[in-house]
mmCIF file of all heavy atoms, coordinates in Angstrom:
data_MODEL
# 
_entry.id   MODEL 
# 
loop_
_atom_site.group_PDB 
_atom_site.id 
_atom_site.type_symbol 
_atom_site.label_atom_id 
_atom_site.label_alt_id 
_atom_site.label_comp_id 
_atom_site.label_asym_id 
_atom_site.label_entity_id 
_atom_site.label_seq_id 
_atom_site.pdbx_PDB_ins_code 
_atom_site.Cartn_x 
_atom_site.Cartn_y 
_atom_site.Cartn_z 
_atom_site.occupancy 
_atom_site.B_iso_or_equiv 
_atom_site.pdbx_formal_charge 
_atom_site.auth_seq_id 
_atom_site.auth_comp_id 
_atom_site.auth_asym_id 
_atom_site.auth_atom_id 
_atom_site.pdbx_PDB_model_num 
ATOM 1   N N   . VAL A 1 1  ? 0.860  -1.193  -0.003  1.00 0.00 ? 1  VAL A N   1 
ATOM 2   C CA  . VAL A 1 1  ? 0.000  0.000   -0.002  1.00 0.00 ? 1  VAL A CA  1 
ATOM 3   C C   . VAL A 1 1  ? 0.889  1.232   -0.001  1.00 0.00 ? 1  VAL A C   1 
ATOM 4   O O   . VAL A 1 1  ? 1.786  1.366   0.838   1.00 0.00 ? 1  VAL A O   1 
ATOM 5   C CB  . VAL A 1 1  ? -0.916 -0.005  1.232   1.00 0.00 ? 1  VAL A CB  1 
ATOM 6   C CG1 . VAL A 1 1  ? -1.744 1.263   1.298   1.00 0.00 ? 1  VAL A CG1 1 
ATOM 7   C CG2 . VAL A 1 1  ? -1.817 -1.235  1.222   1.00 0.00 ? 1  VAL A CG2 1 
ATOM 8   N N   . PRO A 1 2  ? 0.651  2.167   -0.951  1.00 0.00 ? 2  PRO A N   1 
ATOM 9   C CA  . PRO A 1 2  ? 1.499  3.355   -1.013  1.00 0.00 ? 2  PRO A CA  1 
ATOM 10  C C   . PRO A 1 2  ? 1.187  4.321   0.126   1.00 0.00 ? 2  PRO A C   1 
ATOM 11  O O   . PRO A 1 2  ? 0.037  4.460   0.542   1.00 0.00 ? 2  PRO A O   1 
ATOM 12  C CB  . PRO A 1 2  ? 1.144  3.976   -2.368  1.00 0.00 ? 2  PRO A CB  1 
ATOM 13  C CG  . PRO A 1 2  ? -0.258 3.546   -2.607  1.00 0.00 ? 2  PRO A CG  1 
ATOM 14  C CD  . PRO A 1 2  ? -0.376 2.178   -1.990  1.00 0.00 ? 2  PRO A CD  1 
ATOM 15  N N   . ARG A 1 3  ? 2.224  4.983   0.599   1.00 0.00 ? 3  ARG A N   1 
ATOM 16  C CA  . ARG A 1 3  ? 2.017  6.096   1.525   1.00 0.00 ? 3  ARG A CA  1 
ATOM 17  C C   . ARG A 1 3  ? 1.650  7.313   0.691   1.00 0.00 ? 3  ARG A C   1 
ATOM 18  O O   . ARG A 1 3  ? 2.222  7.540   -0.366  1.00 0.00 ? 3  ARG A O   1 
ATOM 19  C CB  . ARG A 1 3  ? 3.286  6.387   2.313   1.00 0.00 ? 3  ARG A CB  1 
ATOM 20  C CG  . ARG A 1 3  ? 3.594  5.296   3.298   1.00 0.00 ? 3  ARG A CG  1 
ATOM 21  C CD  . ARG A 1 3  ? 4.737  5.700   4.175   1.00 0.00 ? 3  ARG A CD  1 
ATOM 22  N NE  . ARG A 1 3  ? 5.063  4.599   5.072   1.00 0.00 ? 3  ARG A NE  1 
ATOM 23  C CZ  . ARG A 1 3  ? 6.123  4.608   5.836   1.00 0.00 ? 3  ARG A CZ  1 
ATOM 24  N NH1 . ARG A 1 3  ? 6.953  5.636   5.835   1.00 0.00 ? 3  ARG A NH1 1 
ATOM 25  N NH2 . ARG A 1 3  ? 6.366  3.570   6.633   1.00 0.00 ? 3  ARG A NH2 1 
ATOM 26  N N   . THR A 1 4  ? 0.700  8.065   1.147   1.00 0.00 ? 4  THR A N   1 
ATOM 27  C CA  . THR A 1 4  ? 0.253  9.236   0.388   1.00 0.00 ? 4  THR A CA  1 
ATOM 28  C C   . THR A 1 4  ? 0.488  10.489  1.212   1.00 0.00 ? 4  THR A C   1 
ATOM 29  O O   . THR A 1 4  ? 0.873  10.411  2.370   1.00 0.00 ? 4  THR A O   1 
ATOM 30  C CB  . THR A 1 4  ? -1.245 9.121   0.046   1.00 0.00 ? 4  THR A CB  1 
ATOM 31  O OG1 . THR A 1 4  ? -1.981 8.995   1.263   1.00 0.00 ? 4  THR A OG1 1 
ATOM 32  C CG2 . THR A 1 4  ? -1.515 7.923   -0.831  1.00 0.00 ? 4  THR A CG2 1 
ATOM 33  N N   . GLY A 1 5  ? 0.210  11.619  0.597   1.00 0.00 ? 5  GLY A N   1 
ATOM 34  C CA  . GLY A 1 5  ? 0.293  12.842  1.367   1.00 0.00 ? 5  GLY A CA  1 
ATOM 35  C C   . GLY A 1 5  ? 1.116  13.944  0.771   1.00 0.00 ? 5  GLY A C   1 
ATOM 36  O O   . GLY A 1 5  ? 1.836  14.623  1.476   1.00 0.00 ? 5  GLY A O   1 
ATOM 37  N N   . ASN A 1 6  ? 1.017  14.152  -0.553  1.00 0.00 ? 6  ASN A N   1 
ATOM 38  C CA  . ASN A 1 6  ? 1.726  15.308  -1.101  1.00 0.00 ? 6  ASN A CA  1 
ATOM 39  C C   . ASN A 1 6  ? 0.974  16.597  -0.813  1.00 0.00 ? 6  ASN A C   1 
ATOM 40  O O   . ASN A 1 6  ? 1.471  17.671  -1.073  1.00 0.00 ? 6  ASN A O   1 
ATOM 41  C CB  . ASN A 1 6  ? 2.021  15.133  -2.600  1.00 0.00 ? 6  ASN A CB  1 
ATOM 42  C CG  . ASN A 1 6  ? 0.767  15.195  -3.475  1.00 0.00 ? 6  ASN A CG  1 
ATOM 43  O OD1 . ASN A 1 6  ? -0.339 15.497  -3.014  1.00 0.00 ? 6  ASN A OD1 1 
ATOM 44  N ND2 . ASN A 1 6  ? 0.928  14.900  -4.740  1.00 0.00 ? 6  ASN A ND2 1 
ATOM 45  N N   . GLY A 1 7  ? -0.278 16.472  -0.299  1.00 0.00 ? 7  GLY A N   1 
ATOM 46  C CA  . GLY A 1 7  ? -1.040 17.642  0.088   1.00 0.00 ? 7  GLY A CA  1 
ATOM 47  C C   . GLY A 1 7  ? -1.689 18.405  -1.051  1.00 0.00 ? 7  GLY A C   1 
ATOM 48  O O   . GLY A 1 7  ? -2.422 19.344  -0.834  1.00 0.00 ? 7  GLY A O   1 
ATOM 49  N N   . ARG A 1 8  ? -1.438 18.003  -2.295  1.00 0.00 ? 8  ARG A N   1 
ATOM 50  C CA  . ARG A 1 8  ? -1.980 18.746  -3.432  1.00 0.00 ? 8  ARG A CA  1 
ATOM 51  C C   . ARG A 1 8  ? -3.325 18.207  -3.892  1.00 0.00 ? 8  ARG A C   1 
ATOM 52  O O   . ARG A 1 8  ? -4.032 18.868  -4.621  1.00 0.00 ? 8  ARG A O   1 
ATOM 53  C CB  . ARG A 1 8  ? -0.996 18.705  -4.594  1.00 0.00 ? 8  ARG A CB  1 
ATOM 54  C CG  . ARG A 1 8  ? 0.325  19.376  -4.268  1.00 0.00 ? 8  ARG A CG  1 
ATOM 55  C CD  . ARG A 1 8  ? 1.199  19.512  -5.493  1.00 0.00 ? 8  ARG A CD  1 
ATOM 56  N NE  . ARG A 1 8  ? 1.161  18.335  -6.332  1.00 0.00 ? 8  ARG A NE  1 
ATOM 57  C CZ  . ARG A 1 8  ? 2.228  17.630  -6.705  1.00 0.00 ? 8  ARG A CZ  1 
ATOM 58  N NH1 . ARG A 1 8  ? 3.416  17.996  -6.291  1.00 0.00 ? 8  ARG A NH1 1 
ATOM 59  N NH2 . ARG A 1 8  ? 2.113  16.582  -7.487  1.00 0.00 ? 8  ARG A NH2 1 
ATOM 60  N N   . GLY A 1 9  ? -3.668 16.994  -3.543  1.00 0.00 ? 9  GLY A N   1 
ATOM 61  C CA  . GLY A 1 9  ? -4.932 16.425  -3.978  1.00 0.00 ? 9  GLY A CA  1 
ATOM 62  C C   . GLY A 1 9  ? -4.912 15.843  -5.378  1.00 0.00 ? 9  GLY A C   1 
ATOM 63  O O   . GLY A 1 9  ? -5.877 15.251  -5.817  1.00 0.00 ? 9  GLY A O   1 
ATOM 64  N N   . ASP A 1 10 ? -3.808 16.036  -6.113  1.00 0.00 ? 10 ASP A N   1 
ATOM 65  C CA  . ASP A 1 10 ? -3.729 15.507  -7.476  1.00 0.00 ? 10 ASP A CA  1 
ATOM 66  C C   . ASP A 1 10 ? -2.889 14.238  -7.537  1.00 0.00 ? 10 ASP A C   1 
ATOM 67  O O   . ASP A 1 10 ? -2.541 13.770  -8.609  1.00 0.00 ? 10 ASP A O   1 
ATOM 68  C CB  . ASP A 1 10 ? -3.156 16.551  -8.429  1.00 0.00 ? 10 ASP A CB  1 
ATOM 69  C CG  . ASP A 1 10 ? -1.723 16.939  -8.091  1.00 0.00 ? 10 ASP A CG  1 
ATOM 70  O OD1 . ASP A 1 10 ? -1.243 16.575  -7.002  1.00 0.00 ? 10 ASP A OD1 1 
ATOM 71  O OD2 . ASP A 1 10 ? -1.090 17.622  -8.912  1.00 0.00 ? 10 ASP A OD2 1 
ATOM 72  N N   . GLU A 1 11 ? -2.598 13.697  -6.411  1.00 0.00 ? 11 GLU A N   1 
ATOM 73  C CA  . GLU A 1 11 ? -1.716 12.535  -6.328  1.00 0.00 ? 11 GLU A CA  1 
ATOM 74  C C   . GLU A 1 11 ? -2.340 11.292  -6.959  1.00 0.00 ? 11 GLU A C   1 
ATOM 75  O O   . GLU A 1 11 ? -3.517 11.018  -6.781  1.00 0.00 ? 11 GLU A O   1 
ATOM 76  C CB  . GLU A 1 11 ? -1.391 12.269  -4.859  1.00 0.00 ? 11 GLU A CB  1 
ATOM 77  C CG  . GLU A 1 11 ? -0.336 11.225  -4.648  1.00 0.00 ? 11 GLU A CG  1 
ATOM 78  C CD  . GLU A 1 11 ? 0.120  11.212  -3.201  1.00 0.00 ? 11 GLU A CD  1 
ATOM 79  O OE1 . GLU A 1 11 ? -0.715 11.262  -2.303  1.00 0.00 ? 11 GLU A OE1 1 
ATOM 80  O OE2 . GLU A 1 11 ? 1.337  11.166  -3.003  1.00 0.00 ? 11 GLU A OE2 1 
ATOM 81  N N   . ILE A 1 12 ? -1.527 10.571  -7.692  1.00 0.00 ? 12 ILE A N   1 
ATOM 82  C CA  . ILE A 1 12 ? -1.913 9.277   -8.246  1.00 0.00 ? 12 ILE A CA  1 
ATOM 83  C C   . ILE A 1 12 ? -1.237 8.217   -7.385  1.00 0.00 ? 12 ILE A C   1 
ATOM 84  O O   . ILE A 1 12 ? -0.049 8.323   -7.088  1.00 0.00 ? 12 ILE A O   1 
ATOM 85  C CB  . ILE A 1 12 ? -1.466 9.127   -9.710  1.00 0.00 ? 12 ILE A CB  1 
ATOM 86  C CG1 . ILE A 1 12 ? -2.172 10.160  -10.581 1.00 0.00 ? 12 ILE A CG1 1 
ATOM 87  C CG2 . ILE A 1 12 ? -1.744 7.716   -10.218 1.00 0.00 ? 12 ILE A CG2 1 
ATOM 88  C CD1 . ILE A 1 12 ? -1.630 10.238  -11.991 1.00 0.00 ? 12 ILE A CD1 1 
ATOM 89  N N   . THR A 1 13 ? -2.001 7.224   -6.967  1.00 0.00 ? 13 THR A N   1 
ATOM 90  C CA  . THR A 1 13 ? -1.416 6.143   -6.174  1.00 0.00 ? 13 THR A CA  1 
ATOM 91  C C   . THR A 1 13 ? -1.525 4.834   -6.934  1.00 0.00 ? 13 THR A C   1 
ATOM 92  O O   . THR A 1 13 ? -2.358 4.672   -7.827  1.00 0.00 ? 13 THR A O   1 
ATOM 93  C CB  . THR A 1 13 ? -2.119 6.009   -4.808  1.00 0.00 ? 13 THR A CB  1 
ATOM 94  O OG1 . THR A 1 13 ? -3.494 5.688   -5.029  1.00 0.00 ? 13 THR A OG1 1 
ATOM 95  C CG2 . THR A 1 13 ? -1.978 7.271   -3.990  1.00 0.00 ? 13 THR A CG2 1 
ATOM 96  N N   . MET A 1 14 ? -0.693 3.889   -6.547  1.00 0.00 ? 14 MET A N   1 
ATOM 97  C CA  . MET A 1 14 ? -0.679 2.581   -7.179  1.00 0.00 ? 14 MET A CA  1 
ATOM 98  C C   . MET A 1 14 ? -0.528 1.532   -6.084  1.00 0.00 ? 14 MET A C   1 
ATOM 99  O O   . MET A 1 14 ? 0.536  1.411   -5.484  1.00 0.00 ? 14 MET A O   1 
ATOM 100 C CB  . MET A 1 14 ? 0.459  2.480   -8.194  1.00 0.00 ? 14 MET A CB  1 
ATOM 101 C CG  . MET A 1 14 ? 0.453  1.200   -8.979  1.00 0.00 ? 14 MET A CG  1 
ATOM 102 S SD  . MET A 1 14 ? 1.747  1.153   -10.240 1.00 0.00 ? 14 MET A SD  1 
ATOM 103 C CE  . MET A 1 14 ? 3.190  0.877   -9.234  1.00 0.00 ? 14 MET A CE  1 
ATOM 104 N N   . GLU A 1 15 ? -1.589 0.807   -5.834  1.00 0.00 ? 15 GLU A N   1 
ATOM 105 C CA  . GLU A 1 15 ? -1.590 -0.278  -4.856  1.00 0.00 ? 15 GLU A CA  1 
ATOM 106 C C   . GLU A 1 15 ? -1.238 -1.567  -5.607  1.00 0.00 ? 15 GLU A C   1 
ATOM 107 O O   . GLU A 1 15 ? -1.686 -1.762  -6.735  1.00 0.00 ? 15 GLU A O   1 
ATOM 108 C CB  . GLU A 1 15 ? -3.002 -0.371  -4.280  1.00 0.00 ? 15 GLU A CB  1 
ATOM 109 C CG  . GLU A 1 15 ? -3.146 -1.141  -3.036  1.00 0.00 ? 15 GLU A CG  1 
ATOM 110 C CD  . GLU A 1 15 ? -4.556 -0.980  -2.469  1.00 0.00 ? 15 GLU A CD  1 
ATOM 111 O OE1 . GLU A 1 15 ? -5.333 -0.124  -2.934  1.00 0.00 ? 15 GLU A OE1 1 
ATOM 112 O OE2 . GLU A 1 15 ? -4.871 -1.745  -1.558  1.00 0.00 ? 15 GLU A OE2 1 
ATOM 113 N N   . VAL A 1 16 ? -0.417 -2.433  -5.005  1.00 0.00 ? 16 VAL A N   1 
ATOM 114 C CA  . VAL A 1 16 ? 0.116  -3.594  -5.725  1.00 0.00 ? 16 VAL A CA  1 
ATOM 115 C C   . VAL A 1 16 ? -0.016 -4.859  -4.887  1.00 0.00 ? 16 VAL A C   1 
ATOM 116 O O   . VAL A 1 16 ? 0.193  -4.833  -3.664  1.00 0.00 ? 16 VAL A O   1 
ATOM 117 C CB  . VAL A 1 16 ? 1.613  -3.368  -6.072  1.00 0.00 ? 16 VAL A CB  1 
ATOM 118 C CG1 . VAL A 1 16 ? 2.184  -4.547  -6.836  1.00 0.00 ? 16 VAL A CG1 1 
ATOM 119 C CG2 . VAL A 1 16 ? 1.813  -2.083  -6.840  1.00 0.00 ? 16 VAL A CG2 1 
ATOM 120 N N   . TRP A 1 17 ? -0.347 -5.975  -5.559  1.00 0.00 ? 17 TRP A N   1 
ATOM 121 C CA  . TRP A 1 17 ? -0.350 -7.295  -4.942  1.00 0.00 ? 17 TRP A CA  1 
ATOM 122 C C   . TRP A 1 17 ? 0.671  -8.149  -5.694  1.00 0.00 ? 17 TRP A C   1 
ATOM 123 O O   . TRP A 1 17 ? 0.550  -8.352  -6.908  1.00 0.00 ? 17 TRP A O   1 
ATOM 124 C CB  . TRP A 1 17 ? -1.732 -7.932  -5.055  1.00 0.00 ? 17 TRP A CB  1 
ATOM 125 C CG  . TRP A 1 17 ? -2.765 -7.313  -4.180  1.00 0.00 ? 17 TRP A CG  1 
ATOM 126 C CD1 . TRP A 1 17 ? -3.197 -7.789  -2.973  1.00 0.00 ? 17 TRP A CD1 1 
ATOM 127 C CD2 . TRP A 1 17 ? -3.529 -6.124  -4.427  1.00 0.00 ? 17 TRP A CD2 1 
ATOM 128 N NE1 . TRP A 1 17 ? -4.181 -6.961  -2.464  1.00 0.00 ? 17 TRP A NE1 1 
ATOM 129 C CE2 . TRP A 1 17 ? -4.393 -5.924  -3.332  1.00 0.00 ? 17 TRP A CE2 1 
ATOM 130 C CE3 . TRP A 1 17 ? -3.547 -5.180  -5.463  1.00 0.00 ? 17 TRP A CE3 1 
ATOM 131 C CZ2 . TRP A 1 17 ? -5.279 -4.856  -3.250  1.00 0.00 ? 17 TRP A CZ2 1 
ATOM 132 C CZ3 . TRP A 1 17 ? -4.420 -4.096  -5.384  1.00 0.00 ? 17 TRP A CZ3 1 
ATOM 133 C CH2 . TRP A 1 17 ? -5.270 -3.954  -4.285  1.00 0.00 ? 17 TRP A CH2 1 
ATOM 134 N N   . LEU A 1 18 ? 1.701  -8.627  -4.993  1.00 0.00 ? 18 LEU A N   1 
ATOM 135 C CA  . LEU A 1 18 ? 2.771  -9.434  -5.584  1.00 0.00 ? 18 LEU A CA  1 
ATOM 136 C C   . LEU A 1 18 ? 2.598  -10.886 -5.174  1.00 0.00 ? 18 LEU A C   1 
ATOM 137 O O   . LEU A 1 18 ? 2.284  -11.176 -4.019  1.00 0.00 ? 18 LEU A O   1 
ATOM 138 C CB  . LEU A 1 18 ? 4.131  -8.936  -5.117  1.00 0.00 ? 18 LEU A CB  1 
ATOM 139 C CG  . LEU A 1 18 ? 4.448  -7.467  -5.348  1.00 0.00 ? 18 LEU A CG  1 
ATOM 140 C CD1 . LEU A 1 18 ? 5.766  -7.090  -4.679  1.00 0.00 ? 18 LEU A CD1 1 
ATOM 141 C CD2 . LEU A 1 18 ? 4.491  -7.146  -6.822  1.00 0.00 ? 18 LEU A CD2 1 
ATOM 142 N N   . ALA A 1 19 ? 2.828  -11.812 -6.103  1.00 0.00 ? 19 ALA A N   1 
ATOM 143 C CA  . ALA A 1 19 ? 2.688  -13.234 -5.817  1.00 0.00 ? 19 ALA A CA  1 
ATOM 144 C C   . ALA A 1 19 ? 4.061  -13.873 -5.604  1.00 0.00 ? 19 ALA A C   1 
ATOM 145 O O   . ALA A 1 19 ? 4.811  -14.069 -6.558  1.00 0.00 ? 19 ALA A O   1 
ATOM 146 C CB  . ALA A 1 19 ? 1.959  -13.947 -6.961  1.00 0.00 ? 19 ALA A CB  1 
ATOM 147 N N   . PRO A 1 20 ? 4.423  -14.211 -4.354  1.00 0.00 ? 20 PRO A N   1 
ATOM 148 C CA  . PRO A 1 20 ? 5.709  -14.863 -4.102  1.00 0.00 ? 20 PRO A CA  1 
ATOM 149 C C   . PRO A 1 20 ? 5.879  -16.159 -4.892  1.00 0.00 ? 20 PRO A C   1 
ATOM 150 O O   . PRO A 1 20 ? 6.977  -16.471 -5.347  1.00 0.00 ? 20 PRO A O   1 
ATOM 151 C CB  . PRO A 1 20 ? 5.683  -15.136 -2.602  1.00 0.00 ? 20 PRO A CB  1 
ATOM 152 C CG  . PRO A 1 20 ? 4.771  -14.094 -2.048  1.00 0.00 ? 20 PRO A CG  1 
ATOM 153 C CD  . PRO A 1 20 ? 3.710  -13.914 -3.106  1.00 0.00 ? 20 PRO A CD  1 
ATOM 154 N N   . SER A 1 21 ? 4.781  -16.903 -5.115  1.00 0.00 ? 21 SER A N   1 
ATOM 155 C CA  . SER A 1 21 ? 4.870  -18.171 -5.856  1.00 0.00 ? 21 SER A CA  1 
ATOM 156 C C   . SER A 1 21 ? 5.159  -17.952 -7.332  1.00 0.00 ? 21 SER A C   1 
ATOM 157 O O   . SER A 1 21 ? 5.502  -18.900 -8.041  1.00 0.00 ? 21 SER A O   1 
ATOM 158 C CB  . SER A 1 21 ? 3.583  -18.972 -5.697  1.00 0.00 ? 21 SER A CB  1 
ATOM 159 O OG  . SER A 1 21 ? 2.499  -18.270 -6.290  1.00 0.00 ? 21 SER A OG  1 
ATOM 160 N N   . LEU A 1 22 ? 5.025  -16.714 -7.819  1.00 0.00 ? 22 LEU A N   1 
ATOM 161 C CA  . LEU A 1 22 ? 5.297  -16.378 -9.219  1.00 0.00 ? 22 LEU A CA  1 
ATOM 162 C C   . LEU A 1 22 ? 6.463  -15.398 -9.319  1.00 0.00 ? 22 LEU A C   1 
ATOM 163 O O   . LEU A 1 22 ? 6.454  -14.477 -10.127 1.00 0.00 ? 22 LEU A O   1 
ATOM 164 C CB  . LEU A 1 22 ? 4.045  -15.778 -9.872  1.00 0.00 ? 22 LEU A CB  1 
ATOM 165 C CG  . LEU A 1 22 ? 2.800  -16.663 -9.874  1.00 0.00 ? 22 LEU A CG  1 
ATOM 166 C CD1 . LEU A 1 22 ? 1.599  -15.910 -10.417 1.00 0.00 ? 22 LEU A CD1 1 
ATOM 167 C CD2 . LEU A 1 22 ? 3.049  -17.939 -10.664 1.00 0.00 ? 22 LEU A CD2 1 
ATOM 168 N N   . GLN A 1 23 ? 7.464  -15.600 -8.475  1.00 0.00 ? 23 GLN A N   1 
ATOM 169 C CA  . GLN A 1 23 ? 8.666  -14.771 -8.457  1.00 0.00 ? 23 GLN A CA  1 
ATOM 170 C C   . GLN A 1 23 ? 8.334  -13.298 -8.219  1.00 0.00 ? 23 GLN A C   1 
ATOM 171 O O   . GLN A 1 23 ? 8.928  -12.405 -8.792  1.00 0.00 ? 23 GLN A O   1 
ATOM 172 C CB  . GLN A 1 23 ? 9.464  -14.949 -9.757  1.00 0.00 ? 23 GLN A CB  1 
ATOM 173 C CG  . GLN A 1 23 ? 9.904  -16.364 -9.986  1.00 0.00 ? 23 GLN A CG  1 
ATOM 174 C CD  . GLN A 1 23 ? 10.543 -16.560 -11.344 1.00 0.00 ? 23 GLN A CD  1 
ATOM 175 O OE1 . GLN A 1 23 ? 10.632 -15.663 -12.160 1.00 0.00 ? 23 GLN A OE1 1 
ATOM 176 N NE2 . GLN A 1 23 ? 11.003 -17.774 -11.591 1.00 0.00 ? 23 GLN A NE2 1 
ATOM 177 N N   . TYR A 1 24 ? 7.351  -13.041 -7.371  1.00 0.00 ? 24 TYR A N   1 
ATOM 178 C CA  . TYR A 1 24 ? 6.913  -11.701 -6.978  1.00 0.00 ? 24 TYR A CA  1 
ATOM 179 C C   . TYR A 1 24 ? 6.359  -10.901 -8.154  1.00 0.00 ? 24 TYR A C   1 
ATOM 180 O O   . TYR A 1 24 ? 6.403  -9.677  -8.175  1.00 0.00 ? 24 TYR A O   1 
ATOM 181 C CB  . TYR A 1 24 ? 8.009  -10.934 -6.239  1.00 0.00 ? 24 TYR A CB  1 
ATOM 182 C CG  . TYR A 1 24 ? 8.278  -11.562 -4.897  1.00 0.00 ? 24 TYR A CG  1 
ATOM 183 C CD1 . TYR A 1 24 ? 9.300  -12.510 -4.752  1.00 0.00 ? 24 TYR A CD1 1 
ATOM 184 C CD2 . TYR A 1 24 ? 7.503  -11.250 -3.797  1.00 0.00 ? 24 TYR A CD2 1 
ATOM 185 C CE1 . TYR A 1 24 ? 9.524  -13.112 -3.522  1.00 0.00 ? 24 TYR A CE1 1 
ATOM 186 C CE2 . TYR A 1 24 ? 7.727  -11.858 -2.570  1.00 0.00 ? 24 TYR A CE2 1 
ATOM 187 C CZ  . TYR A 1 24 ? 8.742  -12.781 -2.447  1.00 0.00 ? 24 TYR A CZ  1 
ATOM 188 O OH  . TYR A 1 24 ? 8.962  -13.383 -1.241  1.00 0.00 ? 24 TYR A OH  1 
ATOM 189 N N   . LEU A 1 25 ? 5.784  -11.576 -9.123  1.00 0.00 ? 25 LEU A N   1 
ATOM 190 C CA  . LEU A 1 25 ? 5.123  -10.922 -10.231 1.00 0.00 ? 25 LEU A CA  1 
ATOM 191 C C   . LEU A 1 25 ? 3.900  -10.188 -9.699  1.00 0.00 ? 25 LEU A C   1 
ATOM 192 O O   . LEU A 1 25 ? 3.151  -10.725 -8.883  1.00 0.00 ? 25 LEU A O   1 
ATOM 193 C CB  . LEU A 1 25 ? 4.680  -11.983 -11.261 1.00 0.00 ? 25 LEU A CB  1 
ATOM 194 C CG  . LEU A 1 25 ? 3.998  -11.476 -12.513 1.00 0.00 ? 25 LEU A CG  1 
ATOM 195 C CD1 . LEU A 1 25 ? 5.047  -10.844 -13.446 1.00 0.00 ? 25 LEU A CD1 1 
ATOM 196 C CD2 . LEU A 1 25 ? 3.319  -12.628 -13.239 1.00 0.00 ? 25 LEU A CD2 1 
# 
């Protein structure tokens, strides 16, 4: 989960789920 908080409100975030069984793909 990305940390947010640039305070501008225009921030783009990217949440990611990695699979250890697939070499963290």
